[in-house]
Amino acid sequence: MTIRDNARKGKKAEDLFRFNKGITSDEPVERTGIGSDFRVGDDYYEVKSGDAHLSPRQEEEKKKRGNNFKEVRYSDDVDY
């Protein structure tokens, strides 16, 4: 598996999260791009696929935000 494959899987997982959260939330799903992928209301979400790890920046963000930082995981076989 190449880095490009991993990036493609990560993008699919993010797209799936944005779609699902957009349907189930009354709040808009906003892309952040700084230490997390999305913000929905007061909560920040980092979307990961497979066994991907949080980056050091994302770990800092998780500590800083506490319960407002959510890590959402999708399996490697995300498909839509």
PDB file of N, CA and C in Angstrom:
ATOM      1  N   MET A   1       0.844  -1.172   0.000  1.00  0.00           N
ATOM      2  CA  MET A   1       0.000   0.000   0.000  1.00  0.00           C
ATOM      3  C   MET A   1       0.896   1.244   0.000  1.00  0.00           C
ATOM      4  N   THR A   2       0.591   2.193  -0.841  1.00  0.00           N
ATOM      5  CA  THR A   2       1.402   3.399  -0.950  1.00  0.00           C
ATOM      6  C   THR A   2       0.811   4.542  -0.134  1.00  0.00           C
ATOM      7  N   ILE A   3       1.581   5.590   0.001  1.00  0.00           N
ATOM      8  CA  ILE A   3       1.101   6.783   0.706  1.00  0.00           C
ATOM      9  C   ILE A   3      -0.120   7.349  -0.008  1.00  0.00           C
ATOM     10  N   ARG A   4      -0.103   7.297  -1.303  1.00  0.00           N
ATOM     11  CA  ARG A   4      -1.230   7.806  -2.089  1.00  0.00           C
ATOM     12  C   ARG A   4      -2.504   7.003  -1.802  1.00  0.00           C
ATOM     13  N   ASP A   5      -2.371   5.686  -1.645  1.00  0.00           N
ATOM     14  CA  ASP A   5      -3.519   4.842  -1.288  1.00  0.00           C
ATOM     15  C   ASP A   5      -4.060   5.224   0.085  1.00  0.00           C
ATOM     16  N   ASN A   6      -3.154   5.444   1.028  1.00  0.00           N
ATOM     17  CA  ASN A   6      -3.571   5.844   2.372  1.00  0.00           C
ATOM     18  C   ASN A   6      -4.296   7.183   2.350  1.00  0.00           C
ATOM     19  N   ALA A   7      -3.785   8.122   1.574  1.00  0.00           N
ATOM     20  CA  ALA A   7      -4.428   9.435   1.471  1.00  0.00           C
ATOM     21  C   ALA A   7      -5.821   9.299   0.865  1.00  0.00           C
ATOM     22  N   ARG A   8      -5.947   8.443  -0.115  1.00  0.00           N
ATOM     23  CA  ARG A   8      -7.252   8.225  -0.763  1.00  0.00           C
ATOM     24  C   ARG A   8      -8.255   7.626   0.234  1.00  0.00           C
ATOM     25  N   LYS A   9      -7.798   6.677   1.036  1.00  0.00           N
ATOM     26  CA  LYS A   9      -8.677   6.074   2.049  1.00  0.00           C
ATOM     27  C   LYS A   9      -9.070   7.106   3.108  1.00  0.00           C
ATOM     28  N   GLY A  10      -8.120   7.934   3.503  1.00  0.00           N
ATOM     29  CA  GLY A  10      -8.408   8.986   4.474  1.00  0.00           C
ATOM     30  C   GLY A  10      -9.429   9.972   3.944  1.00  0.00           C
ATOM     31  N   LYS A  11      -9.303  10.330   2.680  1.00  0.00           N
ATOM     32  CA  LYS A  11     -10.256  11.257   2.055  1.00  0.00           C
ATOM     33  C   LYS A  11     -11.650  10.644   1.998  1.00  0.00           C
ATOM     34  N   LYS A  12     -11.725   9.360   1.675  1.00  0.00           N
ATOM     35  CA  LYS A  12     -13.026   8.677   1.659  1.00  0.00           C
ATOM     36  C   LYS A  12     -13.670   8.693   3.043  1.00  0.00           C
ATOM     37  N   ALA A  13     -12.858   8.435   4.072  1.00  0.00           N
ATOM     38  CA  ALA A  13     -13.371   8.431   5.441  1.00  0.00           C
ATOM     39  C   ALA A  13     -13.876   9.821   5.821  1.00  0.00           C
ATOM     40  N   GLU A  14     -13.144  10.867   5.446  1.00  0.00           N
ATOM     41  CA  GLU A  14     -13.571  12.234   5.734  1.00  0.00           C
ATOM     42  C   GLU A  14     -14.870  12.569   5.003  1.00  0.00           C
ATOM     43  N   ASP A  15     -14.970  12.176   3.749  1.00  0.00           N
ATOM     44  CA  ASP A  15     -16.198  12.418   2.979  1.00  0.00           C
ATOM     45  C   ASP A  15     -17.389  11.716   3.623  1.00  0.00           C
ATOM     46  N   LEU A  16     -17.172  10.478   4.057  1.00  0.00           N
ATOM     47  CA  LEU A  16     -18.242   9.714   4.688  1.00  0.00           C
ATOM     48  C   LEU A  16     -18.662  10.359   6.009  1.00  0.00           C
ATOM     49  N   PHE A  17     -17.694  10.809   6.796  1.00  0.00           N
ATOM     50  CA  PHE A  17     -18.017  11.490   8.050  1.00  0.00           C
ATOM     51  C   PHE A  17     -18.826  12.754   7.780  1.00  0.00           C
ATOM     52  N   ARG A  18     -18.356  13.566   6.847  1.00  0.00           N
ATOM     53  CA  ARG A  18     -19.044  14.831   6.543  1.00  0.00           C
ATOM     54  C   ARG A  18     -20.484  14.570   6.095  1.00  0.00           C
ATOM     55  N   PHE A  19     -20.692  13.567   5.292  1.00  0.00           N
ATOM     56  CA  PHE A  19     -22.041  13.204   4.831  1.00  0.00           C
ATOM     57  C   PHE A  19     -22.912  12.749   6.004  1.00  0.00           C
ATOM     58  N   ASN A  20     -22.407  11.773   6.776  1.00  0.00           N
ATOM     59  CA  ASN A  20     -23.178  11.231   7.904  1.00  0.00           C
ATOM     60  C   ASN A  20     -23.479  12.295   8.949  1.00  0.00           C
ATOM     61  N   LYS A  21     -22.491  13.081   9.311  1.00  0.00           N
ATOM     62  CA  LYS A  21     -22.685  14.103  10.343  1.00  0.00           C
ATOM     63  C   LYS A  21     -23.607  15.210   9.828  1.00  0.00           C
ATOM     64  N   GLY A  22     -23.518  15.513   8.560  1.00  0.00           N
ATOM     65  CA  GLY A  22     -24.390  16.528   7.967  1.00  0.00           C
ATOM     66  C   GLY A  22     -25.852  16.130   8.025  1.00  0.00           C
ATOM     67  N   ILE A  23     -26.116  14.834   7.899  1.00  0.00           N
ATOM     68  CA  ILE A  23     -27.496  14.326   7.957  1.00  0.00           C
ATOM     69  C   ILE A  23     -28.012  14.321   9.393  1.00  0.00           C
ATOM     70  N   THR A  24     -27.151  13.974  10.351  1.00  0.00           N
ATOM     71  CA  THR A  24     -27.610  13.747  11.730  1.00  0.00           C
ATOM     72  C   THR A  24     -27.468  14.956  12.650  1.00  0.00           C
ATOM     73  N   SER A  25     -26.785  16.001  12.234  1.00  0.00           N
ATOM     74  CA  SER A  25     -26.537  17.138  13.115  1.00  0.00           C
ATOM     75  C   SER A  25     -27.346  18.357  12.691  1.00  0.00           C
ATOM     76  N   ASP A  26     -27.782  19.124  13.679  1.00  0.00           N
ATOM     77  CA  ASP A  26     -28.452  20.395  13.394  1.00  0.00           C
ATOM     78  C   ASP A  26     -27.440  21.505  13.131  1.00  0.00           C
ATOM     79  N   GLU A  27     -26.191  21.260  13.485  1.00  0.00           N
ATOM     80  CA  GLU A  27     -25.111  22.234  13.306  1.00  0.00           C
ATOM     81  C   GLU A  27     -24.407  22.000  11.968  1.00  0.00           C
ATOM     82  N   PRO A  28     -23.871  23.053  11.363  1.00  0.00           N
ATOM     83  CA  PRO A  28     -23.111  22.856  10.124  1.00  0.00           C
ATOM     84  C   PRO A  28     -21.793  22.118  10.391  1.00  0.00           C
ATOM     85  N   VAL A  29     -21.347  21.349   9.428  1.00  0.00           N
ATOM     86  CA  VAL A  29     -20.073  20.636   9.503  1.00  0.00           C
ATOM     87  C   VAL A  29     -19.046  21.501   8.776  1.00  0.00           C
ATOM     88  N   GLU A  30     -18.097  22.049   9.543  1.00  0.00           N
ATOM     89  CA  GLU A  30     -17.110  22.972   8.986  1.00  0.00           C
ATOM     90  C   GLU A  30     -15.733  22.337   8.971  1.00  0.00           C
ATOM     91  N   ARG A  31     -15.025  22.501   7.873  1.00  0.00           N
ATOM     92  CA  ARG A  31     -13.654  22.005   7.744  1.00  0.00           C
ATOM     93  C   ARG A  31     -12.732  22.941   8.510  1.00  0.00           C
ATOM     94  N   THR A  32     -11.844  22.404   9.348  1.00  0.00           N
ATOM     95  CA  THR A  32     -10.928  23.263  10.100  1.00  0.00           C
ATOM     96  C   THR A  32      -9.531  23.246   9.499  1.00  0.00           C
ATOM     97  N   GLY A  33      -8.971  22.046   9.325  1.00  0.00           N
ATOM     98  CA  GLY A  33      -7.645  21.929   8.729  1.00  0.00           C
ATOM     99  C   GLY A  33      -6.495  22.294   9.653  1.00  0.00           C
ATOM    100  N   ILE A  34      -6.780  22.585  10.938  1.00  0.00           N
ATOM    101  CA  ILE A  34      -5.702  22.928  11.865  1.00  0.00           C
ATOM    102  C   ILE A  34      -5.814  22.066  13.121  1.00  0.00           C
ATOM    103  N   GLY A  35      -5.174  20.928  13.124  1.00  0.00           N
ATOM    104  CA  GLY A  35      -5.187  20.049  14.286  1.00  0.00           C
ATOM    105  C   GLY A  35      -6.403  19.156  14.392  1.00  0.00           C
ATOM    106  N   SER A  36      -7.364  19.381  13.538  1.00  0.00           N
ATOM    107  CA  SER A  36      -8.549  18.521  13.470  1.00  0.00           C
ATOM    108  C   SER A  36      -9.107  18.661  12.058  1.00  0.00           C
ATOM    109  N   ASP A  37      -9.987  17.746  11.685  1.00  0.00           N
ATOM    110  CA  ASP A  37     -10.549  17.809  10.334  1.00  0.00           C
ATOM    111  C   ASP A  37     -11.795  18.687  10.258  1.00  0.00           C
ATOM    112  N   PHE A  38     -12.681  18.528  11.261  1.00  0.00           N
ATOM    113  CA  PHE A  38     -13.968  19.204  11.202  1.00  0.00           C
ATOM    114  C   PHE A  38     -14.368  19.779  12.550  1.00  0.00           C
ATOM    115  N   ARG A  39     -15.231  20.787  12.495  1.00  0.00           N
ATOM    116  CA  ARG A  39     -15.861  21.329  13.693  1.00  0.00           C
ATOM    117  C   ARG A  39     -17.360  21.276  13.476  1.00  0.00           C
ATOM    118  N   VAL A  40     -18.065  20.775  14.486  1.00  0.00           N
ATOM    119  CA  VAL A  40     -19.527  20.722  14.457  1.00  0.00           C
ATOM    120  C   VAL A  40     -19.977  21.284  15.805  1.00  0.00           C
ATOM    121  N   GLY A  41     -20.546  22.477  15.786  1.00  0.00           N
ATOM    122  CA  GLY A  41     -20.891  23.139  17.037  1.00  0.00           C
ATOM    123  C   GLY A  41     -19.624  23.416  17.825  1.00  0.00           C
ATOM    124  N   ASP A  42     -19.579  22.966  19.074  1.00  0.00           N
ATOM    125  CA  ASP A  42     -18.400  23.160  19.926  1.00  0.00           C
ATOM    126  C   ASP A  42     -17.418  22.001  19.854  1.00  0.00           C
ATOM    127  N   ASP A  43     -17.747  20.969  19.102  1.00  0.00           N
ATOM    128  CA  ASP A  43     -16.918  19.762  19.044  1.00  0.00           C
ATOM    129  C   ASP A  43     -16.014  19.755  17.816  1.00  0.00           C
ATOM    130  N   TYR A  44     -14.812  19.238  18.028  1.00  0.00           N
ATOM    131  CA  TYR A  44     -13.824  19.096  16.952  1.00  0.00           C
ATOM    132  C   TYR A  44     -13.630  17.612  16.686  1.00  0.00           C
ATOM    133  N   TYR A  45     -13.565  17.240  15.416  1.00  0.00           N
ATOM    134  CA  TYR A  45     -13.478  15.838  15.020  1.00  0.00           C
ATOM    135  C   TYR A  45     -12.248  15.608  14.154  1.00  0.00           C
ATOM    136  N   GLU A  46     -11.515  14.574  14.487  1.00  0.00           N
ATOM    137  CA  GLU A  46     -10.414  14.091  13.657  1.00  0.00           C
ATOM    138  C   GLU A  46     -10.832  12.735  13.125  1.00  0.00           C
ATOM    139  N   VAL A  47     -10.858  12.598  11.815  1.00  0.00           N
ATOM    140  CA  VAL A  47     -11.312  11.371  11.168  1.00  0.00           C
ATOM    141  C   VAL A  47     -10.094  10.583  10.713  1.00  0.00           C
ATOM    142  N   LYS A  48     -10.051   9.319  11.111  1.00  0.00           N
ATOM    143  CA  LYS A  48      -8.948   8.435  10.749  1.00  0.00           C
ATOM    144  C   LYS A  48      -9.491   7.159  10.128  1.00  0.00           C
ATOM    145  N   SER A  49      -8.711   6.586   9.234  1.00  0.00           N
ATOM    146  CA  SER A  49      -9.096   5.294   8.656  1.00  0.00           C
ATOM    147  C   SER A  49      -8.048   4.253   9.028  1.00  0.00           C
ATOM    148  N   GLY A  50      -8.510   3.031   9.209  1.00  0.00           N
ATOM    149  CA  GLY A  50      -7.593   1.943   9.548  1.00  0.00           C
ATOM    150  C   GLY A  50      -6.894   2.175  10.869  1.00  0.00           C
ATOM    151  N   ASP A  51      -5.586   1.931  10.891  1.00  0.00           N
ATOM    152  CA  ASP A  51      -4.830   2.093  12.133  1.00  0.00           C
ATOM    153  C   ASP A  51      -3.972   3.359  12.122  1.00  0.00           C
ATOM    154  N   ALA A  52      -4.405   4.369  11.385  1.00  0.00           N
ATOM    155  CA  ALA A  52      -3.675   5.639  11.327  1.00  0.00           C
ATOM    156  C   ALA A  52      -3.593   6.262  12.713  1.00  0.00           C
ATOM    157  N   HIS A  53      -2.462   6.881  12.997  1.00  0.00           N
ATOM    158  CA  HIS A  53      -2.227   7.494  14.301  1.00  0.00           C
ATOM    159  C   HIS A  53      -2.423   9.003  14.227  1.00  0.00           C
ATOM    160  N   LEU A  54      -2.699   9.608  15.364  1.00  0.00           N
ATOM    161  CA  LEU A  54      -2.768  11.061  15.437  1.00  0.00           C
ATOM    162  C   LEU A  54      -1.363  11.631  15.294  1.00  0.00           C
ATOM    163  N   SER A  55      -1.255  12.739  14.584  1.00  0.00           N
ATOM    164  CA  SER A  55       0.029  13.427  14.470  1.00  0.00           C
ATOM    165  C   SER A  55       0.321  14.147  15.789  1.00  0.00           C
ATOM    166  N   PRO A  56       1.557  14.584  15.998  1.00  0.00           N
ATOM    167  CA  PRO A  56       1.859  15.345  17.215  1.00  0.00           C
ATOM    168  C   PRO A  56       0.960  16.583  17.361  1.00  0.00           C
ATOM    169  N   ARG A  57       0.693  17.273  16.271  1.00  0.00           N
ATOM    170  CA  ARG A  57      -0.199  18.445  16.305  1.00  0.00           C
ATOM    171  C   ARG A  57      -1.608  18.039  16.742  1.00  0.00           C
ATOM    172  N   GLN A  58      -2.087  16.918  16.237  1.00  0.00           N
ATOM    173  CA  GLN A  58      -3.422  16.440  16.601  1.00  0.00           C
ATOM    174  C   GLN A  58      -3.470  15.997  18.067  1.00  0.00           C
ATOM    175  N   GLU A  59      -2.393  15.406  18.558  1.00  0.00           N
ATOM    176  CA  GLU A  59      -2.314  15.026  19.973  1.00  0.00           C
ATOM    177  C   GLU A  59      -2.395  16.274  20.859  1.00  0.00           C
ATOM    178  N   GLU A  60      -1.693  17.344  20.463  1.00  0.00           N
ATOM    179  CA  GLU A  60      -1.756  18.605  21.201  1.00  0.00           C
ATOM    180  C   GLU A  60      -3.183  19.144  21.226  1.00  0.00           C
ATOM    181  N   GLU A  61      -3.815  19.107  20.080  1.00  0.00           N
ATOM    182  CA  GLU A  61      -5.190  19.602  19.954  1.00  0.00           C
ATOM    183  C   GLU A  61      -6.134  18.789  20.837  1.00  0.00           C
ATOM    184  N   LYS A  62      -5.919  17.489  20.894  1.00  0.00           N
ATOM    185  CA  LYS A  62      -6.742  16.605  21.719  1.00  0.00           C
ATOM    186  C   LYS A  62      -6.609  16.981  23.198  1.00  0.00           C
ATOM    187  N   LYS A  63      -5.385  17.237  23.653  1.00  0.00           N
ATOM    188  CA  LYS A  63      -5.162  17.642  25.046  1.00  0.00           C
ATOM    189  C   LYS A  63      -5.795  19.001  25.321  1.00  0.00           C
ATOM    190  N   LYS A  64      -5.636  19.908  24.390  1.00  0.00           N
ATOM    191  CA  LYS A  64      -6.143  21.271  24.547  1.00  0.00           C
ATOM    192  C   LYS A  64      -7.680  21.300  24.609  1.00  0.00           C
ATOM    193  N   ARG A  65      -8.327  20.533  23.755  1.00  0.00           N
ATOM    194  CA  ARG A  65      -9.785  20.577  23.640  1.00  0.00           C
ATOM    195  C   ARG A  65     -10.498  19.637  24.621  1.00  0.00           C
ATOM    196  N   GLY A  66      -9.800  18.640  25.136  1.00  0.00           N
ATOM    197  CA  GLY A  66     -10.396  17.716  26.108  1.00  0.00           C
ATOM    198  C   GLY A  66     -11.590  16.963  25.534  1.00  0.00           C
ATOM    199  N   ASN A  67     -12.725  17.048  26.221  1.00  0.00           N
ATOM    200  CA  ASN A  67     -13.926  16.313  25.790  1.00  0.00           C
ATOM    201  C   ASN A  67     -14.542  16.851  24.510  1.00  0.00           C
ATOM    202  N   ASN A  68     -14.085  18.018  24.049  1.00  0.00           N
ATOM    203  CA  ASN A  68     -14.616  18.583  22.809  1.00  0.00           C
ATOM    204  C   ASN A  68     -13.865  18.079  21.571  1.00  0.00           C
ATOM    205  N   PHE A  69     -12.884  17.211  21.778  1.00  0.00           N
ATOM    206  CA  PHE A  69     -12.127  16.632  20.659  1.00  0.00           C
ATOM    207  C   PHE A  69     -12.524  15.174  20.522  1.00  0.00           C
ATOM    208  N   LYS A  70     -13.047  14.825  19.368  1.00  0.00           N
ATOM    209  CA  LYS A  70     -13.502  13.453  19.117  1.00  0.00           C
ATOM    210  C   LYS A  70     -12.666  12.846  17.992  1.00  0.00           C
ATOM    211  N   GLU A  71     -12.249  11.618  18.219  1.00  0.00           N
ATOM    212  CA  GLU A  71     -11.527  10.866  17.189  1.00  0.00           C
ATOM    213  C   GLU A  71     -12.498   9.851  16.606  1.00  0.00           C
ATOM    214  N   VAL A  72     -12.766   9.955  15.310  1.00  0.00           N
ATOM    215  CA  VAL A  72     -13.707   9.059  14.638  1.00  0.00           C
ATOM    216  C   VAL A  72     -12.908   8.140  13.732  1.00  0.00           C
ATOM    217  N   ARG A  73     -13.143   6.850  13.842  1.00  0.00           N
ATOM    218  CA  ARG A  73     -12.400   5.863  13.063  1.00  0.00           C
ATOM    219  C   ARG A  73     -13.313   5.096  12.120  1.00  0.00           C
ATOM    220  N   TYR A  74     -12.814   4.886  10.928  1.00  0.00           N
ATOM    221  CA  TYR A  74     -13.474   4.034   9.946  1.00  0.00           C
ATOM    222  C   TYR A  74     -12.499   2.929   9.561  1.00  0.00           C
ATOM    223  N   SER A  75     -13.026   1.775   9.229  1.00  0.00           N
ATOM    224  CA  SER A  75     -12.156   0.662   8.842  1.00  0.00           C
ATOM    225  C   SER A  75     -11.501   0.961   7.487  1.00  0.00           C
ATOM    226  N   ASP A  76     -10.469   0.203   7.184  1.00  0.00           N
ATOM    227  CA  ASP A  76      -9.751   0.388   5.926  1.00  0.00           C
ATOM    228  C   ASP A  76     -10.620   0.150   4.700  1.00  0.00           C
ATOM    229  N   ASP A  77     -11.677  -0.616   4.858  1.00  0.00           N
ATOM    230  CA  ASP A  77     -12.492  -0.962   3.688  1.00  0.00           C
ATOM    231  C   ASP A  77     -13.665   0.004   3.501  1.00  0.00           C
ATOM    232  N   VAL A  78     -13.474   1.287   3.853  1.00  0.00           N
ATOM    233  CA  VAL A  78     -14.510   2.294   3.612  1.00  0.00           C
ATOM    234  C   VAL A  78     -14.769   2.338   2.118  1.00  0.00           C
ATOM    235  N   ASP A  79     -16.017   2.199   1.768  1.00  0.00           N
ATOM    236  CA  ASP A  79     -16.381   2.243   0.355  1.00  0.00           C
ATOM    237  C   ASP A  79     -17.769   2.822   0.224  1.00  0.00           C
ATOM    238  N   TYR A  80     -17.952   3.610  -0.784  1.00  0.00           N
ATOM    239  CA  TYR A  80     -19.280   4.188  -1.057  1.00  0.00           C
ATOM    240  C   TYR A  80     -19.461   4.395  -2.517  1.00  0.00           C
TER     241      TYR A  80
END
